[in-house]
C-alpha atoms as a PDB file:
ATOM      1  CA  MET A   1      -6.709  -2.104  11.319  1.00  0.00           C
ATOM      2  CA  THR A   2      -4.618  -1.943  14.458  1.00  0.00           C
ATOM      3  CA  LEU A   3      -1.045  -3.143  14.290  1.00  0.00           C
ATOM      4  CA  SER A   4       0.640  -4.276  17.488  1.00  0.00           C
ATOM      5  CA  VAL A   5       4.251  -3.468  18.303  1.00  0.00           C
ATOM      6  CA  ALA A   6       5.008  -7.198  18.234  1.00  0.00           C
ATOM      7  CA  THR A   7       3.505  -7.547  14.751  1.00  0.00           C
ATOM      8  CA  LEU A   8       5.509  -4.622  13.419  1.00  0.00           C
ATOM      9  CA  LYS A   9       8.732  -5.948  14.955  1.00  0.00           C
ATOM     10  CA  ALA A  10       8.077  -9.349  13.349  1.00  0.00           C
ATOM     11  CA  MET A  11       7.480  -7.693   9.966  1.00  0.00           C
ATOM     12  CA  ILE A  12      10.682  -5.657  10.280  1.00  0.00           C
ATOM     13  CA  GLN A  13      12.644  -8.781  11.136  1.00  0.00           C
ATOM     14  CA  GLU A  14      11.077 -10.822   8.326  1.00  0.00           C
ATOM     15  CA  TYR A  15      12.005  -8.203   5.737  1.00  0.00           C
ATOM     16  CA  HIS A  16      15.503  -7.751   7.204  1.00  0.00           C
ATOM     17  CA  GLY A  17      14.856  -4.173   8.280  1.00  0.00           C
ATOM     18  CA  PHE A  18      16.804  -2.405  10.959  1.00  0.00           C
ATOM     19  CA  PRO A  19      15.531  -2.801  14.521  1.00  0.00           C
ATOM     20  CA  LEU A  20      13.346  -0.060  15.985  1.00  0.00           C
ATOM     21  CA  THR A  21      12.576   0.679  19.602  1.00  0.00           C
ATOM     22  CA  ASP A  22       9.022   0.434  20.893  1.00  0.00           C
ATOM     23  CA  GLU A  23       8.919   4.250  21.015  1.00  0.00           C
ATOM     24  CA  GLU A  24       9.982   4.535  17.373  1.00  0.00           C
ATOM     25  CA  ILE A  25       7.365   1.990  16.336  1.00  0.00           C
ATOM     26  CA  GLU A  26       4.684   3.867  18.280  1.00  0.00           C
ATOM     27  CA  ARG A  27       5.626   7.043  16.382  1.00  0.00           C
ATOM     28  CA  ILE A  28       5.245   5.432  12.936  1.00  0.00           C
ATOM     29  CA  ARG A  29       2.299   3.164  13.699  1.00  0.00           C
ATOM     30  CA  PRO A  30      -0.430   5.786  12.993  1.00  0.00           C
ATOM     31  CA  GLU A  31       1.011   6.410   9.518  1.00  0.00           C
ATOM     32  CA  LEU A  32       1.170   2.692   8.755  1.00  0.00           C
ATOM     33  CA  GLU A  33      -2.397   2.188   9.938  1.00  0.00           C
ATOM     34  CA  ALA A  34      -3.555   5.116   7.762  1.00  0.00           C
ATOM     35  CA  TYR A  35      -1.741   3.574   4.778  1.00  0.00           C
ATOM     36  CA  LEU A  36      -3.420   0.207   5.368  1.00  0.00           C
ATOM     37  CA  ALA A  37      -6.830   1.869   5.699  1.00  0.00           C
ATOM     38  CA  ALA A  38      -6.294   3.685   2.381  1.00  0.00           C
ATOM     39  CA  ALA A  39      -5.224   0.431   0.715  1.00  0.00           C
ATOM     40  CA  GLU A  40      -8.384  -1.260   2.009  1.00  0.00           C
ATOM     41  CA  GLN A  41     -10.517   1.539   0.559  1.00  0.00           C
ATOM     42  CA  LEU A  42      -8.876   0.962  -2.824  1.00  0.00           C
ATOM     43  CA  ARG A  43      -9.628  -2.773  -2.625  1.00  0.00           C
ATOM     44  CA  GLU A  44     -13.299  -1.980  -2.036  1.00  0.00           C
ATOM     45  CA  LEU A  45     -13.683   0.194  -5.159  1.00  0.00           C
ATOM     46  CA  ASP A  46     -16.154  -1.102  -7.706  1.00  0.00           C
ATOM     47  CA  LEU A  47     -14.247  -0.978 -10.975  1.00  0.00           C
ATOM     48  CA  ALA A  48     -16.651  -3.138 -12.956  1.00  0.00           C
ATOM     49  CA  ASP A  49     -17.565  -0.288 -15.316  1.00  0.00           C
ATOM     50  CA  VAL A  50     -14.029   1.076 -15.763  1.00  0.00           C
ATOM     51  CA  LEU A  51     -12.346   0.386 -19.097  1.00  0.00           C
ATOM     52  CA  SER A  52      -8.894  -1.096 -18.673  1.00  0.00           C
ATOM     53  CA  ALA A  53      -6.068   1.090 -19.949  1.00  0.00           C
ATOM     54  CA  ARG A  54      -4.368  -2.076 -21.202  1.00  0.00           C
ATOM     55  CA  LEU A  55      -6.988  -2.260 -23.950  1.00  0.00           C
ATOM     56  CA  LEU A  56      -6.097   1.163 -25.339  1.00  0.00           C
ATOM     57  CA  HIS A  57      -3.377   1.706 -27.941  1.00  0.00           C
ATOM     58  CA  ALA A  58      -1.516   4.969 -28.341  1.00  0.00           C
ATOM     59  CA  ASP A  59      -1.662   6.704 -31.712  1.00  0.00           C
ATOM     60  CA  GLU A  60       1.932   6.798 -32.882  1.00  0.00           C
ATOM     61  CA  GLY A  61       1.250   9.749 -35.227  1.00  0.00           C
ATOM     62  CA  GLY A  62       2.892   9.526 -38.649  1.00  0.00           C
ATOM     63  CA  GLN A  63       0.206   7.280 -40.262  1.00  0.00           C
ATOM     64  CA  SER A  64      -3.213   8.400 -41.368  1.00  0.00           C
END
């Protein structure tokens, strides 16, 4: 996913971030794009056969 300088500036403004120059945005853009690509890979994982950790209960010890 490619992020434009204008898009990043709009996001910074929307979240009340401090203003960055075009050069600063160009320096961080590759890292942001890598982060978004990694997030997309996580969304595509097939977790249908993975047991949810919310269903597990910890053994508190003490009782047999």
